[in-house]
Amino acid sequence: MTTNIIEIKSMIPVGYADREAFFLNENNEAQALIDAVVKYYSSLTFEGADGKTPAGRKAIKDLAAELNKNIKEIDNAGKDIVSILKAKPSKIDATRKKIRDKLGALYDEIRKPVVEYEAEQARIKAEEEAKIEAQRKAEQEELARLRAEKEQRDRETRIAEEAAEKARLEADNRAREAELALQREREETARKERERLAEMKRAQEEEARRIADVEHKRQVKYSAFKCLLENSIDKDTAIKIINMIDDGKVKNVFIKY
C-alpha cells in the first residue's frame, strides 16, 4: 500500500513551473495521474470489497481512507501553487508601481520645461480670460443698471402720464358735470320761465275771460236795465230789480247770460 502511495505522489512534478503546468492542465497533464489512481483503487476495491463481513468493511474503510489521504496530498500540492499564484499579482503590482514611480519621475523631469511653459501660458490665458470675464461682467452690470434706470424712468413717466391722464379725465368729468349741471339749471330756469309764462298767459286769458264775462254780464244786465226803463221803471228800481234777480232773490226769475 505504501509503495503505491509513493508512486502516485511521484507522478506530481516537483519543480514549480512543471507543477504549475500540471495543475493548469492545458494539455491534459493531470489525466495520467487520474487514470492511474482510478485504475489502482478500482482494482483493489473489486478484489477485496465485501461489505457483509467486519473484516471486509474495515478493509474498504482503510482503502477509502488511504485514497482520501492521497486526494488531499494531491490537492494540497495544487493549493501550494494557488497560494504562490495569488501572491504574484500583488508582487507584480508593486513592481509596476515602482517602475511607474521611478520612470514617471523621469518623465516629469524631462517634461518639466514644457510643463512650466504651458503652466505659465495657462496662467496668462487664465488672467486674460479673467480680465475679459470681469470686463464682460462689468458691462453686463452696467447694462443692467442702465436698463433698471430706463425701466424706472419709463415707470415714472408712465405713472406721471397715467396721473396726468387721470387728472385730465377727472377735469373733463368735472367739466361735463358742471356743463350738465349748468344745462340742467338752464333747463330748470327755462322750464320755470315757461311755467311762469304759461301761468301768466293762463292768468291773462282767465282775466280776459273774466273781463269778457263781466262785460257780457254787464251788457246783458244793461240790456235788461234798458228794457225796464223803457217800461216806465225808474232807474233806481230797475237797478235794484236787476241785482235781486242776478243774486237769485226772485224765485223762478233769472237772467240768461
C-alpha atoms as a PDB file:
ATOM      1  CA  MET A   1       0.000   0.000   0.000  1.00  0.00           C
ATOM      2  CA  THR A   2       2.852   2.396   0.904  1.00  0.00           C
ATOM      3  CA  THR A   3       4.679   1.695  -2.363  1.00  0.00           C
ATOM      4  CA  ASN A   4       1.588   2.642  -4.303  1.00  0.00           C
ATOM      5  CA  ILE A   5       1.282   5.965  -2.371  1.00  0.00           C
ATOM      6  CA  ILE A   6       4.884   6.838  -3.234  1.00  0.00           C
ATOM      7  CA  GLU A   7       4.285   6.014  -6.877  1.00  0.00           C
ATOM      8  CA  ILE A   8       1.159   8.237  -7.053  1.00  0.00           C
ATOM      9  CA  LYS A   9       2.918  11.199  -5.350  1.00  0.00           C
ATOM     10  CA  SER A  10       5.851  10.753  -7.682  1.00  0.00           C
ATOM     11  CA  MET A  11       3.529  11.413 -10.616  1.00  0.00           C
ATOM     12  CA  ILE A  12       3.142  15.055  -9.412  1.00  0.00           C
ATOM     13  CA  PRO A  13       6.024  17.241 -10.727  1.00  0.00           C
ATOM     14  CA  VAL A  14       8.367  18.640  -8.106  1.00  0.00           C
ATOM     15  CA  GLY A  15       9.550  21.806  -9.885  1.00  0.00           C
ATOM     16  CA  TYR A  16       7.334  24.899  -9.589  1.00  0.00           C
ATOM     17  CA  ALA A  17       6.998  25.531 -13.328  1.00  0.00           C
ATOM     18  CA  ASP A  18       6.230  21.891 -14.095  1.00  0.00           C
ATOM     19  CA  ARG A  19       3.807  21.632 -11.181  1.00  0.00           C
ATOM     20  CA  GLU A  20       2.043  24.857 -12.325  1.00  0.00           C
ATOM     21  CA  ALA A  21       1.731  23.440 -15.867  1.00  0.00           C
ATOM     22  CA  PHE A  22       0.459  20.160 -14.371  1.00  0.00           C
ATOM     23  CA  PHE A  23      -2.360  21.826 -12.454  1.00  0.00           C
ATOM     24  CA  LEU A  24      -3.184  24.243 -15.240  1.00  0.00           C
ATOM     25  CA  ASN A  25      -3.834  21.033 -17.233  1.00  0.00           C
ATOM     26  CA  GLU A  26      -3.809  22.920 -20.508  1.00  0.00           C
ATOM     27  CA  ASN A  27      -2.528  19.798 -22.305  1.00  0.00           C
ATOM     28  CA  ASN A  28      -4.401  17.303 -20.091  1.00  0.00           C
ATOM     29  CA  GLU A  29      -1.263  16.677 -17.980  1.00  0.00           C
ATOM     30  CA  ALA A  30      -3.305  15.537 -14.954  1.00  0.00           C
ATOM     31  CA  GLN A  31      -5.188  12.848 -16.833  1.00  0.00           C
ATOM     32  CA  ALA A  32      -2.386  10.240 -16.426  1.00  0.00           C
ATOM     33  CA  LEU A  33      -2.494  10.692 -12.622  1.00  0.00           C
ATOM     34  CA  ILE A  34      -6.285  10.419 -12.581  1.00  0.00           C
ATOM     35  CA  ASP A  35      -6.240   7.315 -14.698  1.00  0.00           C
ATOM     36  CA  ALA A  36      -3.541   5.638 -12.571  1.00  0.00           C
ATOM     37  CA  VAL A  37      -5.353   6.380  -9.282  1.00  0.00           C
ATOM     38  CA  VAL A  38      -8.706   5.222 -10.638  1.00  0.00           C
ATOM     39  CA  LYS A  39      -7.194   2.053 -12.077  1.00  0.00           C
ATOM     40  CA  TYR A  40      -5.288   1.215  -8.900  1.00  0.00           C
ATOM     41  CA  TYR A  41      -8.040   1.782  -6.369  1.00  0.00           C
ATOM     42  CA  SER A  42     -10.765   0.355  -8.578  1.00  0.00           C
ATOM     43  CA  SER A  43      -8.866  -2.925  -8.856  1.00  0.00           C
ATOM     44  CA  LEU A  44      -8.336  -3.095  -5.086  1.00  0.00           C
ATOM     45  CA  THR A  45     -11.974  -2.312  -4.382  1.00  0.00           C
ATOM     46  CA  PHE A  46     -13.274  -5.000  -6.674  1.00  0.00           C
ATOM     47  CA  GLU A  47     -10.845  -7.608  -5.410  1.00  0.00           C
ATOM     48  CA  GLY A  48     -11.435  -7.152  -1.650  1.00  0.00           C
ATOM     49  CA  ALA A  49     -14.720  -5.319  -1.372  1.00  0.00           C
ATOM     50  CA  ASP A  50     -17.018  -7.311   0.903  1.00  0.00           C
ATOM     51  CA  GLY A  51     -19.310  -5.154   2.954  1.00  0.00           C
ATOM     52  CA  LYS A  52     -21.017  -8.104   4.612  1.00  0.00           C
ATOM     53  CA  THR A  53     -18.159  -9.010   6.987  1.00  0.00           C
ATOM     54  CA  PRO A  54     -16.407  -6.876   9.593  1.00  0.00           C
ATOM     55  CA  ALA A  55     -13.019  -7.536   8.017  1.00  0.00           C
ATOM     56  CA  GLY A  56     -14.325  -6.621   4.590  1.00  0.00           C
ATOM     57  CA  ARG A  57     -15.904  -3.413   5.814  1.00  0.00           C
ATOM     58  CA  LYS A  58     -12.662  -2.495   7.650  1.00  0.00           C
ATOM     59  CA  ALA A  59     -10.634  -3.155   4.539  1.00  0.00           C
ATOM     60  CA  ILE A  60     -12.941  -0.949   2.489  1.00  0.00           C
ATOM     61  CA  LYS A  61     -12.744   1.869   5.050  1.00  0.00           C
ATOM     62  CA  ASP A  62      -8.934   1.630   5.209  1.00  0.00           C
ATOM     63  CA  LEU A  63      -8.721   1.691   1.422  1.00  0.00           C
ATOM     64  CA  ALA A  64     -11.070   4.695   1.222  1.00  0.00           C
ATOM     65  CA  ALA A  65      -9.074   6.477   3.933  1.00  0.00           C
ATOM     66  CA  GLU A  66      -5.865   5.847   2.029  1.00  0.00           C
ATOM     67  CA  LEU A  67      -7.464   7.186  -1.168  1.00  0.00           C
ATOM     68  CA  ASN A  68      -8.739  10.256   0.698  1.00  0.00           C
ATOM     69  CA  LYS A  69      -5.254  10.883   2.060  1.00  0.00           C
ATOM     70  CA  ASN A  70      -3.824  10.729  -1.457  1.00  0.00           C
ATOM     71  CA  ILE A  71      -6.535  13.063  -2.730  1.00  0.00           C
ATOM     72  CA  LYS A  72      -5.638  15.602  -0.008  1.00  0.00           C
ATOM     73  CA  GLU A  73      -1.930  15.265  -0.778  1.00  0.00           C
ATOM     74  CA  ILE A  74      -2.589  15.914  -4.464  1.00  0.00           C
ATOM     75  CA  ASP A  75      -4.980  18.803  -3.660  1.00  0.00           C
ATOM     76  CA  ASN A  76      -2.502  20.360  -1.212  1.00  0.00           C
ATOM     77  CA  ALA A  77       0.158  20.261  -3.922  1.00  0.00           C
ATOM     78  CA  GLY A  78      -2.192  22.205  -6.160  1.00  0.00           C
ATOM     79  CA  LYS A  79      -3.140  24.565  -3.295  1.00  0.00           C
ATOM     80  CA  ASP A  80       0.522  25.488  -2.830  1.00  0.00           C
ATOM     81  CA  ILE A  81       0.653  26.517  -6.478  1.00  0.00           C
ATOM     82  CA  VAL A  82      -2.543  28.592  -6.000  1.00  0.00           C
ATOM     83  CA  SER A  83      -1.031  30.364  -2.981  1.00  0.00           C
ATOM     84  CA  ILE A  84       2.068  31.204  -4.999  1.00  0.00           C
ATOM     85  CA  LEU A  85      -0.065  32.408  -7.928  1.00  0.00           C
ATOM     86  CA  LYS A  86      -2.266  34.508  -5.623  1.00  0.00           C
ATOM     87  CA  ALA A  87       0.796  36.238  -4.203  1.00  0.00           C
ATOM     88  CA  LYS A  88       2.104  37.082  -7.682  1.00  0.00           C
ATOM     89  CA  PRO A  89      -0.419  39.860  -8.575  1.00  0.00           C
ATOM     90  CA  SER A  90       0.493  41.956  -5.517  1.00  0.00           C
ATOM     91  CA  LYS A  91       4.196  41.492  -6.226  1.00  0.00           C
ATOM     92  CA  ILE A  92       3.657  42.330  -9.873  1.00  0.00           C
ATOM     93  CA  ASP A  93       1.590  45.394  -8.910  1.00  0.00           C
ATOM     94  CA  ALA A  94       4.318  46.521  -6.513  1.00  0.00           C
ATOM     95  CA  THR A  95       6.915  46.199  -9.278  1.00  0.00           C
ATOM     96  CA  ARG A  96       4.646  48.027 -11.712  1.00  0.00           C
ATOM     97  CA  LYS A  97       4.185  50.839  -9.198  1.00  0.00           C
ATOM     98  CA  LYS A  98       7.920  51.082  -8.592  1.00  0.00           C
ATOM     99  CA  ILE A  99       8.539  51.284 -12.340  1.00  0.00           C
ATOM    100  CA  ARG A 100       5.804  53.889 -12.777  1.00  0.00           C
ATOM    101  CA  ASP A 101       7.090  55.988  -9.871  1.00  0.00           C
ATOM    102  CA  LYS A 102      10.737  55.932 -10.964  1.00  0.00           C
ATOM    103  CA  LEU A 103      10.199  56.315 -14.687  1.00  0.00           C
ATOM    104  CA  GLY A 104       7.258  58.671 -14.119  1.00  0.00           C
ATOM    105  CA  ALA A 105       9.556  60.947 -12.151  1.00  0.00           C
ATOM    106  CA  LEU A 106      11.989  60.866 -15.064  1.00  0.00           C
ATOM    107  CA  TYR A 107       9.103  61.608 -17.439  1.00  0.00           C
ATOM    108  CA  ASP A 108       8.063  64.559 -15.284  1.00  0.00           C
ATOM    109  CA  GLU A 109      11.633  65.838 -15.137  1.00  0.00           C
ATOM    110  CA  ILE A 110      12.006  65.623 -18.921  1.00  0.00           C
ATOM    111  CA  ARG A 111       8.704  67.422 -19.473  1.00  0.00           C
ATOM    112  CA  LYS A 112       9.273  69.986 -16.716  1.00  0.00           C
ATOM    113  CA  PRO A 113      10.309  72.906 -19.042  1.00  0.00           C
ATOM    114  CA  VAL A 114       7.307  72.291 -21.276  1.00  0.00           C
ATOM    115  CA  VAL A 115       5.011  71.883 -18.295  1.00  0.00           C
ATOM    116  CA  GLU A 116       6.291  75.095 -16.706  1.00  0.00           C
ATOM    117  CA  TYR A 117       5.896  76.959 -20.020  1.00  0.00           C
ATOM    118  CA  GLU A 118       2.419  75.592 -20.577  1.00  0.00           C
ATOM    119  CA  ALA A 119       1.503  76.384 -16.954  1.00  0.00           C
ATOM    120  CA  GLU A 120       2.728  79.952 -17.413  1.00  0.00           C
ATOM    121  CA  GLN A 121       0.782  80.246 -20.663  1.00  0.00           C
ATOM    122  CA  ALA A 122      -2.268  78.801 -18.945  1.00  0.00           C
ATOM    123  CA  ARG A 123      -1.840  81.311 -16.108  1.00  0.00           C
ATOM    124  CA  ILE A 124      -1.530  84.199 -18.582  1.00  0.00           C
ATOM    125  CA  LYS A 125      -4.530  82.916 -20.519  1.00  0.00           C
ATOM    126  CA  ALA A 126      -6.491  82.491 -17.288  1.00  0.00           C
ATOM    127  CA  GLU A 127      -5.618  86.066 -16.255  1.00  0.00           C
ATOM    128  CA  GLU A 128      -6.660  87.378 -19.670  1.00  0.00           C
ATOM    129  CA  GLU A 129      -9.865  85.362 -19.567  1.00  0.00           C
ATOM    130  CA  ALA A 130     -10.480  86.597 -16.012  1.00  0.00           C
ATOM    131  CA  LYS A 131      -9.975  90.193 -17.194  1.00  0.00           C
ATOM    132  CA  ILE A 132     -12.291  89.599 -20.148  1.00  0.00           C
ATOM    133  CA  GLU A 133     -14.831  87.958 -17.866  1.00  0.00           C
ATOM    134  CA  ALA A 134     -14.556  90.810 -15.366  1.00  0.00           C
ATOM    135  CA  GLN A 135     -14.988  93.328 -18.190  1.00  0.00           C
ATOM    136  CA  ARG A 136     -17.930  91.351 -19.551  1.00  0.00           C
ATOM    137  CA  LYS A 137     -19.468  91.140 -16.090  1.00  0.00           C
ATOM    138  CA  ALA A 138     -18.919  94.870 -15.524  1.00  0.00           C
ATOM    139  CA  GLU A 139     -20.520  95.620 -18.903  1.00  0.00           C
ATOM    140  CA  GLN A 140     -23.449  93.367 -18.070  1.00  0.00           C
ATOM    141  CA  GLU A 141     -23.826  95.052 -14.681  1.00  0.00           C
ATOM    142  CA  GLU A 142     -23.676  98.466 -16.359  1.00  0.00           C
ATOM    143  CA  LEU A 143     -26.238  97.378 -18.939  1.00  0.00           C
ATOM    144  CA  ALA A 144     -28.401  96.001 -16.138  1.00  0.00           C
ATOM    145  CA  ARG A 145     -28.054  99.289 -14.250  1.00  0.00           C
ATOM    146  CA  LEU A 146     -28.924 101.297 -17.371  1.00  0.00           C
ATOM    147  CA  ARG A 147     -31.870  99.021 -18.076  1.00  0.00           C
ATOM    148  CA  ALA A 148     -33.032  99.385 -14.477  1.00  0.00           C
ATOM    149  CA  GLU A 149     -32.694 103.174 -14.687  1.00  0.00           C
ATOM    150  CA  LYS A 150     -34.544 103.243 -18.014  1.00  0.00           C
ATOM    151  CA  GLU A 151     -37.251 100.968 -16.615  1.00  0.00           C
ATOM    152  CA  GLN A 152     -37.502 103.265 -13.574  1.00  0.00           C
ATOM    153  CA  ARG A 153     -37.719 106.346 -15.807  1.00  0.00           C
ATOM    154  CA  ASP A 154     -40.260 104.627 -18.033  1.00  0.00           C
ATOM    155  CA  ARG A 155     -42.211 103.578 -14.949  1.00  0.00           C
ATOM    156  CA  GLU A 156     -42.116 107.115 -13.534  1.00  0.00           C
ATOM    157  CA  THR A 157     -43.064 108.563 -16.937  1.00  0.00           C
ATOM    158  CA  ARG A 158     -45.891 106.061 -17.244  1.00  0.00           C
ATOM    159  CA  ILE A 159     -47.073 106.865 -13.713  1.00  0.00           C
ATOM    160  CA  ALA A 160     -46.882 110.607 -14.459  1.00  0.00           C
ATOM    161  CA  GLU A 161     -48.708 110.131 -17.771  1.00  0.00           C
ATOM    162  CA  GLU A 162     -51.329 107.974 -16.093  1.00  0.00           C
ATOM    163  CA  ALA A 163     -51.708 110.568 -13.326  1.00  0.00           C
ATOM    164  CA  ALA A 164     -51.973 113.363 -15.929  1.00  0.00           C
ATOM    165  CA  GLU A 165     -54.482 111.353 -17.925  1.00  0.00           C
ATOM    166  CA  LYS A 166     -56.434 110.601 -14.753  1.00  0.00           C
ATOM    167  CA  ALA A 167     -56.369 114.296 -13.817  1.00  0.00           C
ATOM    168  CA  ARG A 168     -57.462 115.230 -17.369  1.00  0.00           C
ATOM    169  CA  LEU A 169     -60.280 112.695 -17.270  1.00  0.00           C
ATOM    170  CA  GLU A 170     -61.338 113.921 -13.842  1.00  0.00           C
ATOM    171  CA  ALA A 171     -61.204 117.518 -15.078  1.00  0.00           C
ATOM    172  CA  ASP A 172     -63.188 116.531 -18.175  1.00  0.00           C
ATOM    173  CA  ASN A 173     -65.679 114.727 -15.945  1.00  0.00           C
ATOM    174  CA  ARG A 174     -65.946 117.738 -13.668  1.00  0.00           C
ATOM    175  CA  ALA A 175     -66.342 119.999 -16.704  1.00  0.00           C
ATOM    176  CA  ARG A 176     -69.007 117.700 -18.158  1.00  0.00           C
ATOM    177  CA  GLU A 177     -70.733 117.506 -14.787  1.00  0.00           C
ATOM    178  CA  ALA A 178     -70.559 121.309 -14.468  1.00  0.00           C
ATOM    179  CA  GLU A 179     -71.856 121.662 -18.028  1.00  0.00           C
ATOM    180  CA  LEU A 180     -74.613 119.148 -17.304  1.00  0.00           C
ATOM    181  CA  ALA A 181     -75.421 120.943 -14.050  1.00  0.00           C
ATOM    182  CA  LEU A 182     -75.463 124.280 -15.884  1.00  0.00           C
ATOM    183  CA  GLN A 183     -77.567 122.747 -18.624  1.00  0.00           C
ATOM    184  CA  ARG A 184     -79.937 121.279 -16.034  1.00  0.00           C
ATOM    185  CA  GLU A 185     -80.056 124.650 -14.293  1.00  0.00           C
ATOM    186  CA  ARG A 186     -80.752 126.371 -17.610  1.00  0.00           C
ATOM    187  CA  GLU A 187     -83.384 123.809 -18.450  1.00  0.00           C
ATOM    188  CA  GLU A 188     -84.914 124.213 -14.982  1.00  0.00           C
ATOM    189  CA  THR A 189     -84.832 128.007 -15.402  1.00  0.00           C
ATOM    190  CA  ALA A 190     -86.337 127.676 -18.871  1.00  0.00           C
ATOM    191  CA  ARG A 191     -88.974 125.270 -17.519  1.00  0.00           C
ATOM    192  CA  LYS A 192     -89.818 127.643 -14.714  1.00  0.00           C
ATOM    193  CA  GLU A 193     -89.905 130.531 -17.186  1.00  0.00           C
ATOM    194  CA  ARG A 194     -92.204 128.533 -19.467  1.00  0.00           C
ATOM    195  CA  GLU A 195     -94.377 127.679 -16.499  1.00  0.00           C
ATOM    196  CA  ARG A 196     -94.343 131.329 -15.408  1.00  0.00           C
ATOM    197  CA  LEU A 197     -95.233 132.497 -18.905  1.00  0.00           C
ATOM    198  CA  ALA A 198     -97.845 129.773 -19.191  1.00  0.00           C
ATOM    199  CA  GLU A 199     -99.259 130.733 -15.818  1.00  0.00           C
ATOM    200  CA  MET A 200     -99.123 134.395 -16.824  1.00  0.00           C
ATOM    201  CA  LYS A 201    -100.836 133.574 -20.107  1.00  0.00           C
ATOM    202  CA  ARG A 202    -103.387 131.430 -18.303  1.00  0.00           C
ATOM    203  CA  ALA A 203    -103.965 134.253 -15.801  1.00  0.00           C
ATOM    204  CA  GLN A 204    -104.203 136.751 -18.614  1.00  0.00           C
ATOM    205  CA  GLU A 205    -106.591 134.538 -20.508  1.00  0.00           C
ATOM    206  CA  GLU A 206    -108.526 133.934 -17.307  1.00  0.00           C
ATOM    207  CA  GLU A 207    -108.597 137.673 -16.655  1.00  0.00           C
ATOM    208  CA  ALA A 208    -109.630 138.288 -20.220  1.00  0.00           C
ATOM    209  CA  ARG A 209    -112.384 135.679 -19.896  1.00  0.00           C
ATOM    210  CA  ARG A 210    -113.394 137.197 -16.552  1.00  0.00           C
ATOM    211  CA  ILE A 211    -113.393 140.696 -18.043  1.00  0.00           C
ATOM    212  CA  ALA A 212    -115.263 139.436 -21.095  1.00  0.00           C
ATOM    213  CA  ASP A 213    -117.728 137.614 -18.834  1.00  0.00           C
ATOM    214  CA  VAL A 214    -118.129 140.701 -16.681  1.00  0.00           C
ATOM    215  CA  GLU A 215    -118.589 142.783 -19.788  1.00  0.00           C
ATOM    216  CA  HIS A 216    -121.004 140.259 -21.226  1.00  0.00           C
ATOM    217  CA  LYS A 217    -122.981 140.187 -17.987  1.00  0.00           C
ATOM    218  CA  ARG A 218    -122.876 143.954 -17.826  1.00  0.00           C
ATOM    219  CA  GLN A 219    -124.186 144.145 -21.376  1.00  0.00           C
ATOM    220  CA  VAL A 220    -126.930 141.602 -20.605  1.00  0.00           C
ATOM    221  CA  LYS A 221    -127.909 143.391 -17.365  1.00  0.00           C
ATOM    222  CA  TYR A 222    -127.687 146.741 -19.164  1.00  0.00           C
ATOM    223  CA  SER A 223    -129.966 145.410 -21.877  1.00  0.00           C
ATOM    224  CA  ALA A 224    -132.434 144.306 -19.167  1.00  0.00           C
ATOM    225  CA  PHE A 225    -131.960 147.661 -17.414  1.00  0.00           C
ATOM    226  CA  LYS A 226    -132.851 149.494 -20.629  1.00  0.00           C
ATOM    227  CA  CYS A 227    -135.841 147.267 -21.099  1.00  0.00           C
ATOM    228  CA  LEU A 228    -137.091 148.151 -17.605  1.00  0.00           C
ATOM    229  CA  LEU A 229    -136.502 151.829 -18.202  1.00  0.00           C
ATOM    230  CA  GLU A 230    -138.413 151.571 -21.457  1.00  0.00           C
ATOM    231  CA  ASN A 231    -141.331 150.083 -19.486  1.00  0.00           C
ATOM    232  CA  SER A 232    -141.566 153.119 -17.171  1.00  0.00           C
ATOM    233  CA  ILE A 233    -139.478 151.646 -14.310  1.00  0.00           C
ATOM    234  CA  ASP A 234    -137.342 154.297 -12.727  1.00  0.00           C
ATOM    235  CA  LYS A 235    -133.620 153.979 -12.785  1.00  0.00           C
ATOM    236  CA  ASP A 236    -133.007 153.053  -9.138  1.00  0.00           C
ATOM    237  CA  THR A 237    -135.784 150.499  -9.093  1.00  0.00           C
ATOM    238  CA  ALA A 238    -134.608 148.989 -12.337  1.00  0.00           C
ATOM    239  CA  ILE A 239    -131.102 148.588 -10.908  1.00  0.00           C
ATOM    240  CA  LYS A 240    -132.493 147.033  -7.713  1.00  0.00           C
ATOM    241  CA  ILE A 241    -134.684 144.580  -9.641  1.00  0.00           C
ATOM    242  CA  ILE A 242    -131.828 143.504 -11.850  1.00  0.00           C
ATOM    243  CA  ASN A 243    -129.487 142.989  -8.877  1.00  0.00           C
ATOM    244  CA  MET A 244    -132.125 140.982  -6.970  1.00  0.00           C
ATOM    245  CA  ILE A 245    -132.695 138.733  -9.984  1.00  0.00           C
ATOM    246  CA  ASP A 246    -128.912 138.334 -10.503  1.00  0.00           C
ATOM    247  CA  ASP A 247    -128.476 137.430  -6.817  1.00  0.00           C
ATOM    248  CA  GLY A 248    -131.263 134.790  -7.069  1.00  0.00           C
ATOM    249  CA  LYS A 249    -133.561 136.598  -4.695  1.00  0.00           C
ATOM    250  CA  VAL A 250    -136.522 136.481  -7.106  1.00  0.00           C
ATOM    251  CA  LYS A 251    -137.905 132.943  -7.378  1.00  0.00           C
ATOM    252  CA  ASN A 252    -138.283 131.408 -10.829  1.00  0.00           C
ATOM    253  CA  VAL A 253    -136.787 134.506 -12.449  1.00  0.00           C
ATOM    254  CA  PHE A 254    -133.226 134.637 -13.793  1.00  0.00           C
ATOM    255  CA  ILE A 255    -131.102 136.487 -16.273  1.00  0.00           C
ATOM    256  CA  LYS A 256    -129.910 134.459 -19.247  1.00  0.00           C
ATOM    257  CA  TYR A 257    -126.308 135.386 -19.987  1.00  0.00           C
END
